Amino acid sequence: MKKKILSKSVITCPSCQHQKEEKMPINACQFFYECENCHEILKPKAGDCCVFCSYGTVECPPIQKELVVVKVAKTSLRKLSSGFRT
């Protein structure tokens, strides 16, 4: 099961609502982002790994990859458990 990892996200500043499409780092989480409109420094919300997961339209690539792995594991478990039904 291959799913394309998206590399762009529209980030919305919670202070001024300014939106901008940004390219996300592929192998890392971005902890800080400066809004080009109001210059607010955004930081991830509690429980999120980066500003894209908190304020973007798409989760960061590392989280997207993690979600694909979880989906594949769940699908495999379902197929495996269906073989044990009587």
Foldseek 3Di string as FASTA:
>chain_A
DDDDQDQWWWFADPPPRDTDIDGADQPAAAAWDADPPPRDIDGADPPARHRCVRGTPDHHNVVVVVVVVVVVVVVVVVVVVVVVDD
